[in-house]
N, C-alpha and C. Protein backbone atom coordinates (compact mmCIF):
# COMPACT_ATOMS: atom_id res chain seq x y z
N UNK A 1 84.83 81.87 132.88
CA UNK A 1 85.77 82.32 132.96
C UNK A 1 85.94 83.80 132.16
N UNK A 2 86.02 84.95 133.26
CA UNK A 2 85.22 86.11 132.97
C UNK A 2 86.13 86.52 131.79
N UNK A 3 85.17 87.35 131.03
CA UNK A 3 85.90 88.07 129.71
C UNK A 3 86.57 89.03 129.93
N UNK A 4 87.53 88.83 129.52
CA UNK A 4 89.18 90.13 129.57
C UNK A 4 88.45 91.15 129.05
N UNK A 5 89.43 92.47 129.41
CA UNK A 5 88.04 93.92 128.65
C UNK A 5 89.26 94.54 128.21
N UNK A 6 89.07 94.88 126.95
CA UNK A 6 89.51 95.09 126.01
C UNK A 6 89.44 96.78 125.72
N UNK A 7 88.57 97.30 126.26
CA UNK A 7 88.05 98.56 126.26
C UNK A 7 89.24 99.55 126.47
N UNK A 8 89.76 100.39 125.42
CA UNK A 8 90.72 101.37 125.60
C UNK A 8 91.76 100.77 125.11
N UNK A 9 92.13 99.89 125.24
CA UNK A 9 93.96 98.89 124.59
C UNK A 9 93.43 99.66 123.13
N UNK A 10 95.05 99.61 122.74
CA UNK A 10 95.31 100.13 120.95
C UNK A 10 96.30 98.74 120.85
N UNK A 11 95.23 98.28 119.37
CA UNK A 11 96.32 97.11 118.15
C UNK A 11 96.66 97.06 117.13
N UNK A 12 97.99 97.93 116.74
CA UNK A 12 98.07 98.39 115.66
C UNK A 12 97.34 99.57 115.60
N UNK A 13 96.34 100.22 114.53
CA UNK A 13 95.64 101.47 114.36
C UNK A 13 94.57 101.47 114.86
N UNK A 14 94.22 100.03 115.18
CA UNK A 14 92.85 100.20 116.12
C UNK A 14 92.80 100.54 117.43
N UNK A 15 91.83 101.37 118.29
CA UNK A 15 91.30 101.60 119.67
C UNK A 15 90.40 100.53 119.89
N UNK A 16 90.25 99.86 120.82
CA UNK A 16 88.95 99.23 121.56
C UNK A 16 87.82 100.34 121.56
N UNK A 17 86.68 100.54 121.43
CA UNK A 17 85.76 101.10 122.21
C UNK A 17 84.76 100.64 122.97
N UNK A 18 84.29 99.45 122.85
CA UNK A 18 83.53 98.77 123.56
C UNK A 18 83.33 97.21 123.50
N UNK A 19 83.19 96.47 123.90
CA UNK A 19 82.07 94.73 123.56
C UNK A 19 81.57 95.25 122.57
N UNK A 20 81.32 95.06 121.72
CA UNK A 20 80.17 94.53 120.63
C UNK A 20 79.21 92.87 120.93
N UNK A 21 79.99 91.76 120.73
CA UNK A 21 79.00 91.04 121.24
C UNK A 21 79.70 89.25 120.61
N UNK A 22 79.00 88.19 120.99
CA UNK A 22 79.70 87.11 120.96
C UNK A 22 78.84 86.39 119.84
N UNK A 23 79.69 85.37 118.51
CA UNK A 23 78.74 84.89 117.69
C UNK A 23 78.15 83.25 117.91
N UNK A 24 77.56 82.78 117.26
CA UNK A 24 77.58 81.43 117.63
C UNK A 24 78.32 80.53 117.80
N UNK A 25 79.29 80.83 117.21
CA UNK A 25 80.79 80.05 117.38
C UNK A 25 81.46 80.34 119.19
N UNK A 26 80.98 81.45 119.64
CA UNK A 26 81.41 81.50 121.09
C UNK A 26 82.82 82.51 120.77
N UNK A 27 82.68 83.44 119.60
CA UNK A 27 83.96 84.16 119.60
C UNK A 27 83.57 85.38 119.62
N UNK A 28 84.15 86.07 121.00
CA UNK A 28 84.03 87.50 121.00
C UNK A 28 84.14 88.78 119.93
N UNK A 29 83.76 89.76 119.97
CA UNK A 29 83.94 90.91 119.57
C UNK A 29 84.10 91.93 119.46
N UNK A 30 85.07 93.24 119.10
CA UNK A 30 84.63 94.41 119.66
C UNK A 30 84.86 95.20 118.87
N UNK A 31 84.09 96.12 119.77
CA UNK A 31 83.94 97.53 118.34
C UNK A 31 85.18 98.24 118.57
N UNK A 32 85.75 98.25 117.47
CA UNK A 32 87.30 99.36 117.56
C UNK A 32 87.37 100.31 116.15
N UNK A 33 87.97 101.48 117.04
CA UNK A 33 88.28 102.70 115.69
C UNK A 33 89.44 102.82 115.36
N UNK A 34 89.08 102.54 114.02
CA UNK A 34 90.74 102.66 112.87
C UNK A 34 91.26 104.47 113.14
N UNK A 35 92.57 104.68 113.77
CA UNK A 35 93.50 105.79 113.63
C UNK A 35 92.08 106.85 112.58
N UNK A 36 91.92 106.48 111.01
CA UNK A 36 91.34 107.24 110.28
C UNK A 36 89.78 107.09 110.55
N UNK A 37 89.02 107.06 111.36
CA UNK A 37 87.99 106.80 112.27
C UNK A 37 86.75 106.47 111.97
N UNK A 38 87.44 105.08 110.83
CA UNK A 38 86.56 103.91 110.47
C UNK A 38 86.20 103.39 112.01
N UNK A 39 84.88 102.62 111.73
CA UNK A 39 84.44 101.94 112.97
C UNK A 39 84.20 100.21 112.67
N UNK A 40 84.73 99.54 113.27
CA UNK A 40 84.59 97.80 112.80
C UNK A 40 84.43 97.08 113.66
N UNK A 41 83.72 95.87 113.73
CA UNK A 41 83.67 95.10 115.06
C UNK A 41 85.15 93.83 114.36
N UNK A 42 85.72 93.95 115.32
CA UNK A 42 86.78 93.19 114.73
C UNK A 42 86.78 91.87 116.54
N UNK A 43 87.27 90.49 115.27
CA UNK A 43 87.06 89.30 116.56
C UNK A 43 88.37 89.65 117.18
N UNK A 44 88.38 89.26 118.97
CA UNK A 44 88.82 89.42 119.47
C UNK A 44 90.34 89.14 119.36
N UNK A 45 90.32 87.57 119.08
CA UNK A 45 91.47 86.53 118.94
C UNK A 45 92.34 87.59 117.89
N UNK A 46 91.67 87.99 116.46
CA UNK A 46 92.69 89.15 115.79
C UNK A 46 93.43 89.77 116.06
N UNK A 47 92.71 90.58 116.81
CA UNK A 47 93.59 92.20 117.50
C UNK A 47 94.76 91.31 118.22
N UNK A 48 94.32 90.22 119.47
CA UNK A 48 95.80 90.43 120.51
C UNK A 48 96.94 89.50 119.56
N UNK A 49 96.38 88.58 118.57
CA UNK A 49 97.37 88.15 118.09
C UNK A 49 98.18 89.10 116.92
N UNK A 50 97.49 90.15 116.44
CA UNK A 50 98.37 90.77 115.84
C UNK A 50 98.19 90.60 114.27
N UNK A 51 96.75 89.48 114.01
CA UNK A 51 96.50 89.45 112.66
C UNK A 51 95.56 90.47 111.98
N UNK A 52 94.70 91.17 112.96
CA UNK A 52 94.10 92.46 112.60
C UNK A 52 94.92 93.79 113.09
N UNK A 53 95.18 94.24 112.10
CA UNK A 53 95.96 95.98 112.70
C UNK A 53 95.29 97.62 112.77
N UNK A 54 94.57 97.06 111.68
CA UNK A 54 93.60 98.33 110.98
C UNK A 54 92.68 97.90 109.98
N UNK A 55 91.71 98.93 109.63
CA UNK A 55 90.25 98.65 108.54
C UNK A 55 90.86 98.60 107.29
N UNK A 56 92.35 98.86 106.89
CA UNK A 56 92.92 98.56 105.90
C UNK A 56 92.70 99.98 105.26
N UNK A 57 92.56 101.03 105.68
CA UNK A 57 91.80 102.43 105.35
C UNK A 57 93.83 102.95 103.83
N UNK A 58 94.36 102.51 104.34
CA UNK A 58 95.81 102.81 104.19
C UNK A 58 96.03 101.93 102.51
N UNK A 59 95.66 100.81 102.27
CA UNK A 59 95.86 100.01 101.12
C UNK A 59 94.77 100.30 100.06
N UNK A 60 93.49 100.64 100.60
CA UNK A 60 92.51 101.24 99.31
C UNK A 60 92.09 102.31 98.88
N UNK A 61 91.86 102.83 98.03
CA UNK A 61 91.03 103.97 97.64
C UNK A 61 89.54 103.79 97.12
N UNK A 62 88.71 104.70 97.82
CA UNK A 62 87.38 104.81 97.00
C UNK A 62 87.57 105.49 95.70
N UNK A 63 87.03 105.19 94.54
CA UNK A 63 86.82 105.48 93.74
C UNK A 63 85.89 107.09 93.90
N UNK A 64 85.25 106.91 94.43
CA UNK A 64 84.01 107.87 94.65
C UNK A 64 84.49 108.56 95.57
N UNK A 65 85.67 108.62 96.06
CA UNK A 65 86.02 109.69 96.89
C UNK A 65 87.26 110.52 96.55
N UNK A 66 88.00 109.82 95.53
CA UNK A 66 89.34 110.39 94.68
C UNK A 66 88.72 111.31 93.86
N UNK A 67 87.74 111.61 93.59
CA UNK A 67 87.44 112.51 92.57
C UNK A 67 87.33 114.28 93.20
N UNK A 68 86.83 113.69 94.40
CA UNK A 68 86.90 115.24 95.52
C UNK A 68 87.80 116.66 95.21
N UNK A 69 87.96 117.47 95.00
CA UNK A 69 88.25 118.72 94.69
C UNK A 69 89.11 119.06 95.95
N UNK A 70 88.56 118.68 97.38
CA UNK A 70 89.54 119.14 98.47
C UNK A 70 90.45 117.70 98.80
N UNK A 71 91.25 117.38 97.97
CA UNK A 71 91.99 116.18 98.03
C UNK A 71 93.59 116.87 99.31
N UNK A 72 93.53 116.44 100.37
CA UNK A 72 94.56 116.93 101.17
C UNK A 72 95.54 115.84 101.08
N UNK A 73 96.67 115.85 100.49
CA UNK A 73 97.85 114.60 100.26
C UNK A 73 99.05 114.66 100.96
N UNK A 74 100.03 113.89 100.62
CA UNK A 74 101.04 114.27 101.40
C UNK A 74 102.13 112.88 101.15
N UNK A 75 103.20 112.95 99.77
CA UNK A 75 103.74 111.83 99.34
C UNK A 75 102.66 111.03 98.61
N UNK A 76 101.79 111.88 97.96
CA UNK A 76 100.75 110.58 97.04
C UNK A 76 99.44 109.51 98.53
N UNK A 77 99.83 110.48 99.41
CA UNK A 77 99.08 109.73 99.87
C UNK A 77 97.95 110.60 101.12
N UNK A 78 96.44 110.12 101.22
CA UNK A 78 95.39 111.24 101.81
C UNK A 78 96.33 111.90 103.33
N UNK A 79 96.47 113.07 103.78
CA UNK A 79 96.56 113.06 104.80
C UNK A 79 95.39 112.65 106.21
N UNK A 80 95.89 111.72 107.41
CA UNK A 80 94.76 111.67 108.42
C UNK A 80 93.17 112.37 108.75
N UNK A 81 93.98 114.04 108.32
CA UNK A 81 92.69 114.89 108.78
C UNK A 81 91.86 114.90 107.63
N UNK A 82 91.96 114.33 106.75
CA UNK A 82 90.86 114.30 105.42
C UNK A 82 90.28 113.13 105.61
N UNK A 83 91.37 112.19 105.42
CA UNK A 83 90.50 110.60 106.12
C UNK A 83 89.12 111.01 107.26
N UNK A 84 89.62 111.60 108.60
CA UNK A 84 88.93 111.69 109.61
C UNK A 84 87.52 112.17 108.57
N UNK A 85 87.71 113.40 108.03
CA UNK A 85 86.45 114.31 107.36
C UNK A 85 85.70 113.60 106.37
N UNK A 86 86.66 112.58 104.94
CA UNK A 86 85.98 111.74 104.93
C UNK A 86 84.73 110.66 105.67
N UNK A 87 85.16 110.03 106.07
CA UNK A 87 84.60 108.90 106.95
C UNK A 87 83.67 109.63 108.38
N UNK A 88 83.95 111.21 108.28
CA UNK A 88 82.28 111.42 109.47
C UNK A 88 81.39 111.46 108.21
N UNK A 89 81.41 111.93 106.89
CA UNK A 89 81.01 111.85 106.15
C UNK A 89 80.23 110.99 105.45
N UNK A 90 81.04 109.92 105.47
CA UNK A 90 80.85 108.39 104.96
C UNK A 90 79.11 107.74 106.14
N UNK A 91 79.63 107.67 107.64
CA UNK A 91 78.75 107.47 108.52
C UNK A 91 77.73 108.10 108.72
N UNK A 92 77.66 109.42 107.94
CA UNK A 92 76.18 110.40 107.93
C UNK A 92 75.36 110.27 107.21
N UNK A 93 76.27 109.87 105.74
CA UNK A 93 75.58 110.43 104.57
C UNK A 93 75.26 108.82 103.45
N UNK A 94 75.96 107.99 103.60
CA UNK A 94 76.06 107.28 103.21
C UNK A 94 75.65 105.76 103.86
N UNK A 95 74.11 105.45 103.06
CA UNK A 95 73.64 104.26 103.75
C UNK A 95 74.11 103.02 104.12
N UNK A 96 75.81 102.99 102.88
CA UNK A 96 75.73 101.90 102.59
C UNK A 96 77.34 101.59 103.45
N UNK A 97 77.63 102.57 104.44
CA UNK A 97 78.58 102.32 105.05
C UNK A 97 78.00 101.80 106.68
N UNK A 98 79.03 101.11 106.99
CA UNK A 98 79.35 100.12 108.37
C UNK A 98 78.59 100.55 109.14
N UNK A 99 79.33 101.92 109.71
CA UNK A 99 78.38 102.75 111.17
C UNK A 99 77.20 103.86 110.71
N UNK A 100 76.59 103.93 109.42
CA UNK A 100 75.63 104.49 109.17
C UNK A 100 74.20 104.05 110.00
N UNK A 101 74.17 102.53 110.30
CA UNK A 101 72.46 102.61 111.16
C UNK A 101 72.62 103.56 112.40
N UNK A 102 73.97 103.63 113.01
CA UNK A 102 74.41 104.50 114.51
C UNK A 102 74.67 105.68 114.03
N UNK A 103 74.49 106.59 112.99
CA UNK A 103 74.20 108.37 112.78
C UNK A 103 73.93 108.49 111.78
N UNK A 104 73.91 108.11 110.56
CA UNK A 104 73.05 108.92 109.82
C UNK A 104 71.62 108.26 109.84
N UNK A 105 71.13 107.04 109.77
CA UNK A 105 70.20 106.50 110.63
C UNK A 105 69.32 107.08 111.55
N UNK A 106 70.12 107.92 112.05
CA UNK A 106 68.96 108.24 113.69
C UNK A 106 69.30 109.76 113.49
N UNK A 107 69.52 109.72 112.22
CA UNK A 107 69.62 111.47 112.07
C UNK A 107 70.59 112.33 111.79
N UNK A 108 71.44 111.85 112.35
CA UNK A 108 73.17 112.75 112.73
C UNK A 108 73.30 112.73 111.29
N UNK A 109 73.56 114.09 111.34
CA UNK A 109 74.30 114.93 110.61
C UNK A 109 75.72 115.53 110.07
N UNK A 110 76.16 115.77 109.20
CA UNK A 110 77.24 116.96 109.23
C UNK A 110 76.34 118.44 108.48
N UNK A 111 76.91 119.08 109.44
CA UNK A 111 76.89 120.86 109.09
C UNK A 111 76.96 121.00 107.95
N UNK A 112 76.45 122.20 107.14
CA UNK A 112 76.58 122.59 106.17
C UNK A 112 78.00 123.34 105.75
N UNK A 113 78.66 123.73 106.93
CA UNK A 113 79.71 124.21 106.45
C UNK A 113 80.99 123.42 106.46
N UNK A 114 80.49 122.20 106.36
CA UNK A 114 81.67 121.18 106.57
C UNK A 114 81.69 119.90 105.43
N UNK A 115 79.93 120.09 104.94
CA UNK A 115 79.74 119.02 104.49
C UNK A 115 80.37 118.87 103.24
N UNK A 116 80.69 119.96 102.38
CA UNK A 116 80.98 119.71 100.77
C UNK A 116 82.33 120.77 100.53
N UNK A 117 83.27 121.12 102.08
CA UNK A 117 84.21 122.25 101.91
C UNK A 117 85.00 121.76 103.04
N UNK A 118 86.46 120.46 102.58
CA UNK A 118 86.94 119.95 103.36
C UNK A 118 87.83 121.31 103.65
N UNK A 119 88.02 122.51 103.28
CA UNK A 119 88.89 123.83 103.78
C UNK A 119 88.57 123.97 105.29
N UNK A 120 87.04 123.94 105.10
CA UNK A 120 86.29 124.55 106.46
C UNK A 120 86.91 123.68 107.74
N UNK A 121 86.61 122.67 107.07
CA UNK A 121 86.97 121.64 108.50
C UNK A 121 88.14 121.47 108.63
N UNK A 122 89.15 121.81 107.88
CA UNK A 122 90.46 121.73 108.25
C UNK A 122 91.21 122.95 109.08
N UNK A 123 90.26 124.28 108.57
CA UNK A 123 90.51 125.40 109.02
C UNK A 123 90.48 125.07 110.83
N UNK A 124 88.77 124.91 110.96
CA UNK A 124 88.18 124.43 112.49
C UNK A 124 88.75 123.73 113.19
N UNK A 125 89.60 122.52 112.58
CA UNK A 125 90.12 121.86 113.60
C UNK A 125 91.43 121.72 113.98
N UNK A 126 92.54 122.93 113.05
CA UNK A 126 93.84 123.08 113.58
C UNK A 126 93.61 124.31 114.28
N UNK A 127 92.13 124.89 114.73
CA UNK A 127 92.05 126.31 115.23
C UNK A 127 91.67 125.58 116.49
N UNK A 128 91.16 124.87 116.45
CA UNK A 128 90.36 124.14 117.58
C UNK A 128 91.22 122.52 118.49
N UNK A 129 92.84 122.83 118.25
CA UNK A 129 93.45 121.82 119.14
C UNK A 129 93.58 120.43 118.01
N UNK A 130 93.56 120.44 116.69
CA UNK A 130 93.63 118.86 116.46
C UNK A 130 95.08 118.43 116.31
N UNK A 131 95.22 117.13 116.66
CA UNK A 131 96.37 116.43 116.48
C UNK A 131 96.54 115.42 116.64
N UNK A 132 97.28 114.69 116.09
CA UNK A 132 97.69 113.20 115.26
C UNK A 132 96.98 112.01 116.02
N UNK A 133 96.82 112.40 117.51
CA UNK A 133 96.94 111.05 118.19
C UNK A 133 95.81 111.71 119.20
N UNK A 134 94.87 112.69 118.98
CA UNK A 134 93.31 112.79 118.85
C UNK A 134 92.35 112.22 117.78
N UNK A 135 91.14 111.98 118.62
CA UNK A 135 90.09 112.10 117.63
C UNK A 135 88.87 112.71 117.72
N UNK A 136 87.96 112.70 116.97
CA UNK A 136 86.83 113.82 117.17
C UNK A 136 86.07 113.21 117.69
N UNK A 137 85.03 114.19 118.64
CA UNK A 137 83.91 113.36 118.96
C UNK A 137 83.50 114.50 119.26
N UNK A 138 81.64 113.86 119.38
CA UNK A 138 80.91 115.02 119.74
C UNK A 138 80.27 115.27 120.75
N UNK A 139 80.16 116.22 122.31
CA UNK A 139 79.97 116.39 122.91
C UNK A 139 78.53 116.14 123.28
N UNK A 140 77.56 116.18 122.51
CA UNK A 140 76.43 115.64 122.66
C UNK A 140 76.06 114.32 121.57
N UNK A 141 75.85 113.01 122.28
CA UNK A 141 75.97 111.68 121.69
C UNK A 141 74.84 112.07 120.43
N UNK A 142 73.95 112.71 120.27
CA UNK A 142 72.43 112.86 119.58
C UNK A 142 72.95 114.03 118.64
N UNK A 143 73.69 114.63 118.94
CA UNK A 143 73.68 116.16 117.81
C UNK A 143 74.81 115.65 117.04
N UNK A 144 74.78 116.63 115.96
CA UNK A 144 75.27 116.74 114.60
C UNK A 144 76.97 116.64 114.89
N UNK A 145 77.27 116.80 113.44
CA UNK A 145 78.88 116.98 113.82
C UNK A 145 79.06 118.61 112.72
N UNK A 146 78.95 119.39 113.98
CA UNK A 146 79.42 120.65 113.53
C UNK A 146 80.18 121.22 114.72
N UNK A 147 80.97 122.47 114.18
CA UNK A 147 81.78 122.98 115.58
C UNK A 147 81.26 123.12 117.09
N UNK A 148 80.30 123.73 117.36
CA UNK A 148 80.26 123.80 118.33
C UNK A 148 79.79 122.78 119.35
N UNK A 149 79.35 121.54 118.45
CA UNK A 149 79.45 120.30 119.14
C UNK A 149 80.33 119.06 118.90
N UNK A 150 81.89 119.14 118.26
CA UNK A 150 82.78 118.78 118.31
C UNK A 150 83.64 119.43 119.11
N UNK A 151 84.87 118.37 119.55
CA UNK A 151 86.00 118.89 120.40
C UNK A 151 86.57 117.73 119.73
N UNK A 152 88.34 117.68 120.11
CA UNK A 152 89.32 117.14 119.92
C UNK A 152 89.36 116.06 120.86
N UNK A 153 89.37 114.90 121.85
CA UNK A 153 90.65 114.28 122.50
C UNK A 153 90.74 113.12 122.40
N UNK A 154 91.52 112.64 123.40
CA UNK A 154 91.78 111.49 123.28
C UNK A 154 90.80 110.30 123.20
N UNK A 155 91.61 109.28 123.17
CA UNK A 155 90.46 107.45 122.53
C UNK A 155 89.99 106.72 123.84
N UNK A 156 90.66 107.55 125.45
CA UNK A 156 89.91 107.21 126.03
C UNK A 156 88.79 108.05 126.64
N UNK A 157 89.51 109.24 126.49
CA UNK A 157 87.98 110.19 126.77
C UNK A 157 87.17 110.23 126.30
N UNK A 158 87.27 109.87 124.68
CA UNK A 158 85.83 109.29 123.80
C UNK A 158 85.23 108.12 124.27
N UNK A 159 85.78 106.87 124.86
CA UNK A 159 85.12 106.19 125.26
C UNK A 159 84.28 106.08 126.27
N UNK A 160 84.99 107.35 127.08
CA UNK A 160 83.72 107.37 128.52
C UNK A 160 82.23 108.12 127.78
N UNK A 161 82.85 108.94 126.60
CA UNK A 161 81.39 109.62 126.29
C UNK A 161 80.08 108.78 125.57
N UNK A 162 80.31 107.46 125.67
CA UNK A 162 79.28 106.80 125.52
C UNK A 162 77.82 105.71 126.34
N UNK A 163 77.67 105.09 125.62
CA UNK A 163 76.20 104.89 126.44
C UNK A 163 77.16 103.53 127.50
N UNK A 164 77.60 103.26 126.92
CA UNK A 164 78.71 102.09 128.25
C UNK A 164 78.68 102.70 129.62
N UNK A 165 78.94 104.43 129.44
CA UNK A 165 79.04 104.81 131.27
C UNK A 165 77.84 105.83 130.95
N UNK A 166 76.84 105.53 130.28
CA UNK A 166 75.76 106.40 130.49
C UNK A 166 75.00 105.81 131.88
N UNK A 167 74.75 106.36 132.72
CA UNK A 167 73.03 105.88 134.15
C UNK A 167 71.86 105.86 133.80
N UNK A 168 71.46 104.84 133.91
CA UNK A 168 69.99 104.41 133.59
C UNK A 168 69.22 103.81 135.14
N UNK A 169 68.80 104.87 135.07
CA UNK A 169 67.27 104.67 136.48
C UNK A 169 66.62 103.76 136.58
N UNK A 170 66.04 102.83 137.53
CA UNK A 170 65.39 102.08 137.83
C UNK A 170 65.02 101.98 139.20
N UNK A 171 63.57 102.00 139.70
CA UNK A 171 63.24 102.17 140.97
C UNK A 171 64.09 102.75 142.26
N UNK A 172 64.14 103.52 141.82
CA UNK A 172 65.40 104.29 142.66
C UNK A 172 66.77 104.26 142.52
N UNK A 173 67.26 103.14 141.71
CA UNK A 173 68.78 103.01 141.25
C UNK A 173 69.63 103.55 140.63
N UNK A 174 70.61 103.68 140.67
CA UNK A 174 70.75 104.59 138.44
C UNK A 174 72.39 103.22 138.90
N UNK A 175 72.36 102.68 138.04
CA UNK A 175 73.78 102.34 137.24
C UNK A 175 73.84 102.07 135.98
N UNK A 176 74.77 102.08 135.79
CA UNK A 176 75.63 102.30 134.26
C UNK A 176 75.24 100.51 133.58
N UNK A 177 75.25 100.79 132.30
CA UNK A 177 74.18 99.62 131.15
C UNK A 177 75.23 98.19 131.77
N UNK A 178 76.94 98.48 132.05
CA UNK A 178 77.13 97.03 132.24
C UNK A 178 77.09 96.42 133.31
N UNK A 179 76.49 97.48 134.18
CA UNK A 179 75.97 96.86 135.80
C UNK A 179 74.49 96.35 136.18
N UNK A 180 73.72 96.87 134.79
CA UNK A 180 72.35 96.41 134.93
C UNK A 180 72.52 95.57 134.58
N UNK A 181 73.62 95.11 133.39
CA UNK A 181 73.24 93.76 132.61
C UNK A 181 74.34 93.02 133.52
N UNK A 182 75.08 92.89 134.27
CA UNK A 182 75.49 91.85 135.47
C UNK A 182 74.46 91.42 136.75
N UNK A 183 73.63 92.51 137.12
CA UNK A 183 73.09 92.37 137.93
C UNK A 183 71.20 91.95 137.54
N UNK A 184 71.41 92.00 135.85
CA UNK A 184 70.49 91.04 135.43
C UNK A 184 70.54 90.02 134.88
N UNK A 185 71.94 89.46 135.25
CA UNK A 185 72.10 88.52 134.01
C UNK A 185 72.00 88.60 132.74
N UNK A 186 72.22 89.87 132.23
CA UNK A 186 71.63 89.95 130.77
C UNK A 186 72.74 90.63 129.79
N UNK A 187 72.79 89.72 128.49
CA UNK A 187 73.95 90.08 127.48
C UNK A 187 74.16 91.51 127.27
N UNK A 188 75.80 92.09 127.55
CA UNK A 188 75.64 93.49 127.52
C UNK A 188 75.69 94.09 125.86
N UNK A 189 75.76 92.97 125.18
CA UNK A 189 75.99 93.63 123.99
C UNK A 189 74.57 93.45 122.99
N UNK A 190 73.65 92.52 123.70
CA UNK A 190 72.02 92.47 122.84
C UNK A 190 71.64 93.70 123.79
N UNK A 191 71.44 93.92 125.17
CA UNK A 191 71.00 95.10 125.62
C UNK A 191 71.40 96.60 124.90
N UNK A 192 72.64 96.82 125.17
CA UNK A 192 73.80 97.79 124.26
C UNK A 192 72.92 97.71 123.08
N UNK A 193 72.79 96.97 121.71
CA UNK A 193 72.03 97.59 120.40
C UNK A 193 71.05 97.49 120.22
N UNK A 194 69.91 96.79 121.29
CA UNK A 194 68.40 97.38 121.64
C UNK A 194 68.60 98.85 121.99
N UNK A 195 69.17 99.07 122.44
CA UNK A 195 69.16 100.88 122.51
C UNK A 195 69.42 101.65 121.91
N UNK A 196 70.41 101.11 120.64
CA UNK A 196 70.93 102.28 120.02
C UNK A 196 69.85 101.89 118.82
N UNK A 197 69.26 100.46 118.26
CA UNK A 197 68.11 100.60 117.84
C UNK A 197 66.96 101.89 118.38
N UNK A 198 67.61 102.08 119.01
CA UNK A 198 65.74 103.10 119.20
C UNK A 198 65.15 102.25 120.70
N UNK A 199 65.49 101.61 121.40
CA UNK A 199 64.51 101.44 122.60
C UNK A 199 65.39 102.06 124.06
N UNK A 200 63.99 102.01 124.89
CA UNK A 200 64.66 102.72 126.01
C UNK A 200 65.12 101.52 126.99
N UNK A 201 65.93 102.22 127.80
CA UNK A 201 66.29 100.76 128.68
C UNK A 201 65.22 99.87 129.19
N UNK A 202 64.10 100.50 129.68
CA UNK A 202 63.03 99.71 130.29
C UNK A 202 62.43 98.27 128.88
N UNK A 203 62.53 99.00 127.98
CA UNK A 203 61.86 98.30 127.19
C UNK A 203 63.20 97.48 126.08
N UNK A 204 64.41 97.64 126.43
CA UNK A 204 65.59 96.51 125.92
C UNK A 204 65.66 95.29 127.14
N UNK A 205 65.82 95.63 128.16
CA UNK A 205 65.89 94.99 129.10
C UNK A 205 64.39 93.76 129.54
N UNK A 206 63.40 94.25 128.98
CA UNK A 206 62.00 93.42 129.02
C UNK A 206 61.80 91.96 128.39
N UNK A 207 62.75 92.25 127.00
CA UNK A 207 63.17 90.79 127.18
C UNK A 207 64.24 89.75 126.97
N UNK A 208 65.05 90.19 127.85
CA UNK A 208 65.71 89.60 128.51
C UNK A 208 67.22 89.27 127.47
N UNK A 209 67.54 88.36 127.43
CA UNK A 209 68.24 87.74 126.25
C UNK A 209 67.78 86.83 125.63
N UNK A 210 66.53 87.20 125.53
CA UNK A 210 65.72 85.86 124.42
C UNK A 210 64.51 87.16 123.38
N UNK A 211 63.73 86.68 122.61
CA UNK A 211 63.05 87.46 121.97
C UNK A 211 62.10 87.78 122.75
N UNK A 212 61.53 87.21 123.25
CA UNK A 212 60.11 87.34 124.16
C UNK A 212 60.61 88.18 125.69
N UNK A 213 59.23 88.63 125.80
CA UNK A 213 59.86 89.45 127.17
C UNK A 213 59.48 88.43 128.33
N UNK A 214 60.02 89.21 129.09
CA UNK A 214 60.74 88.49 130.03
C UNK A 214 60.06 89.20 131.90
N UNK A 215 59.34 88.64 132.64
CA UNK A 215 58.67 89.59 133.89
C UNK A 215 59.80 89.96 134.46
N UNK A 216 59.65 90.75 136.06
CA UNK A 216 60.22 90.63 136.46
C UNK A 216 60.93 91.45 136.44
N UNK A 217 61.62 92.27 135.06
CA UNK A 217 62.68 92.79 135.03
C UNK A 217 62.19 94.52 135.33
N UNK A 218 62.99 95.40 136.08
CA UNK A 218 62.46 96.73 136.31
C UNK A 218 61.92 97.26 135.02
């Protein structure tokens, strides 16, 4: 049975970015981005049933962040733009953050202008089209969070700026990753994770769906 594609759909405060993986029990997980900017792998059935609607950002406060002198609060709660700034720093600077392996560990960081001064980030955001229905996006996915490499886009537009839609060439043929995986009968989540962890396209597909290299791949 063909898997239902949830990419781009919204469930509560979550927007589905892309397919993540299937666990040993056959449960399908999706990479989701909360309105606050937090990314998390979420069990698909919980998304569709409404059991999971957000990362829980509005129900918790991190002690290490409440002491900052740059808080931006409204009626006792942090404003969305402030939360976005906090999460950018978390995924780039905090090795314990869930998304750190895909950002900070790969050398992606936050410019000095924004790192320690929320007011600078807020000023830039408001002058460059920030709205509550938009999310921050890096124009160059390998670049840092800085004024010349960031913009505000819809969740749909941001989902297009991912490895999922990047074209990979082999033997004169150019296809996006999902098309290659379908053609070669490979698990999309497995190949995507290998590329995110530093493997080239050729290296990623050489192992197939297993740990041992498979011959005959492009």
